[in-house]
Amino acid sequence: MAETFVNKTVALGDTADTSVYSPSGATAIIIHCQVANITGSTSADVNIDLYDTSATTAAAVVSTLSVPANTAVTPVGGKLVLEDTDELRVWASATSSLELTLGILEIS
């Protein structure tokens, strides 16, 4: 089995259920997830869902977590496993307010 570390950064929009990461041909372990609020004056909310493609269901990982202006949060306290083609869906309450950084281990 091959193991590959991957970094992923995304400027979050406000469209619900937006897929920001999906492993292809691999199982992925999200080992780091940070959301930074890059606005200088207002808080914004972040939502994170894990979409299981084999069961065609989504489960909330984080729901409406407030991220204060000029701060960062680590909304996922442990590791998160995504099977091949599962999706990590992340969106914000306001466009251009939040940025997501993921550290991922892909195993294929």
Protein backbone atom coordinates (compact mmCIF):
# COMPACT_ATOMS: atom_id res chain seq x y z
CA MET A 1 0.00 0.00 0.00
CA ALA A 2 1.20 3.45 -0.91
CA GLU A 3 0.87 6.28 1.60
CA THR A 4 0.87 9.90 0.45
CA PHE A 5 0.55 13.07 2.51
CA VAL A 6 -1.59 15.76 0.91
CA ASN A 7 -2.31 19.39 1.84
CA LYS A 8 -5.54 21.00 0.69
CA THR A 9 -6.54 24.65 1.10
CA VAL A 10 -9.91 26.11 0.16
CA ALA A 11 -11.49 29.56 0.35
CA LEU A 12 -14.99 28.66 1.54
CA GLY A 13 -18.16 29.86 -0.11
CA ASP A 14 -21.68 29.98 1.26
CA THR A 15 -23.24 27.27 -0.92
CA ALA A 16 -24.41 24.41 1.31
CA ASP A 17 -23.06 20.89 0.76
CA THR A 18 -20.06 22.01 -1.32
CA SER A 19 -17.58 19.16 -1.73
CA VAL A 20 -14.05 20.34 -0.91
CA TYR A 21 -12.28 16.97 -0.88
CA SER A 22 -12.96 13.44 -2.08
CA PRO A 23 -10.34 10.68 -2.25
CA SER A 24 -10.13 8.92 -5.59
CA GLY A 25 -8.82 5.37 -5.60
CA ALA A 26 -7.73 5.65 -1.97
CA THR A 27 -8.85 5.75 1.63
CA ALA A 28 -8.06 9.08 3.26
CA ILE A 29 -7.44 10.03 6.86
CA ILE A 30 -7.91 13.71 7.65
CA ILE A 31 -5.28 14.31 10.31
CA HIS A 32 -5.59 18.09 10.51
CA CYS A 33 -8.50 20.43 9.85
CA GLN A 34 -8.29 24.16 10.54
CA VAL A 35 -10.65 26.98 9.61
CA ALA A 36 -9.36 30.56 9.70
CA ASN A 37 -11.52 33.67 9.65
CA ILE A 38 -9.67 36.18 7.47
CA THR A 39 -12.07 39.07 7.98
CA GLY A 40 -11.06 41.86 10.29
CA SER A 41 -14.38 42.61 11.89
CA THR A 42 -17.08 39.93 11.74
CA SER A 43 -17.50 36.33 12.81
CA ALA A 44 -18.65 33.66 10.36
CA ASP A 45 -20.07 30.17 10.82
CA VAL A 46 -18.63 26.97 9.39
CA ASN A 47 -20.48 23.72 8.62
CA ILE A 48 -18.83 20.37 7.84
CA ASP A 49 -20.57 17.22 6.61
CA LEU A 50 -19.20 13.80 5.76
CA TYR A 51 -21.05 12.36 2.75
CA ASP A 52 -20.91 8.57 2.55
CA THR A 53 -21.32 7.73 -1.14
CA SER A 54 -21.93 4.02 -0.52
CA ALA A 55 -24.90 4.78 1.76
CA THR A 56 -25.86 8.03 -0.02
CA THR A 57 -26.20 9.82 3.32
CA ALA A 58 -24.58 12.84 4.89
CA ALA A 59 -23.75 13.26 8.56
CA ALA A 60 -22.90 16.52 10.28
CA VAL A 61 -19.37 16.67 11.66
CA VAL A 62 -19.70 20.34 12.64
CA SER A 63 -22.87 22.42 12.52
CA THR A 64 -22.88 26.21 12.65
CA LEU A 65 -19.60 26.67 14.53
CA SER A 66 -18.86 30.37 14.97
CA VAL A 67 -15.34 31.46 14.01
CA PRO A 68 -14.55 34.93 15.42
CA ALA A 69 -12.83 37.54 13.24
CA ASN A 70 -9.06 37.14 12.86
CA THR A 71 -8.95 33.75 14.59
CA ALA A 72 -8.69 30.09 13.65
CA VAL A 73 -10.39 26.99 15.03
CA THR A 74 -9.74 23.28 14.78
CA PRO A 75 -13.28 21.98 14.30
CA VAL A 76 -12.42 18.28 14.02
CA GLY A 77 -10.86 17.10 17.28
CA GLY A 78 -9.54 13.77 16.04
CA LYS A 79 -8.96 11.92 12.81
CA LEU A 80 -11.67 11.54 10.18
CA VAL A 81 -11.67 8.60 7.73
CA LEU A 82 -13.05 8.93 4.21
CA GLU A 83 -13.48 5.86 2.04
CA ASP A 84 -12.88 5.97 -1.71
CA THR A 85 -15.23 8.59 -3.29
CA ASP A 86 -16.71 9.79 0.05
CA GLU A 87 -16.90 13.58 0.26
CA LEU A 88 -15.96 16.15 2.84
CA ARG A 89 -18.46 18.98 2.39
CA VAL A 90 -17.68 22.36 3.94
CA TRP A 91 -19.34 25.75 3.65
CA ALA A 92 -19.48 29.07 5.45
CA SER A 93 -22.21 31.52 6.39
CA ALA A 94 -20.49 34.22 4.32
CA THR A 95 -18.40 34.05 1.16
CA SER A 96 -14.74 35.11 1.37
CA SER A 97 -14.67 35.04 5.17
CA LEU A 98 -13.26 31.59 5.97
CA GLU A 99 -10.34 29.54 4.67
CA LEU A 100 -9.98 25.78 5.23
CA THR A 101 -6.69 23.92 5.57
CA LEU A 102 -6.57 20.12 5.56
CA GLY A 103 -3.70 17.71 6.24
CA ILE A 104 -4.53 14.33 4.72
CA LEU A 105 -2.95 10.88 4.56
CA GLU A 106 -4.09 8.95 1.48
CA ILE A 107 -3.64 5.19 1.46
CA SER A 108 -3.99 3.35 -1.85
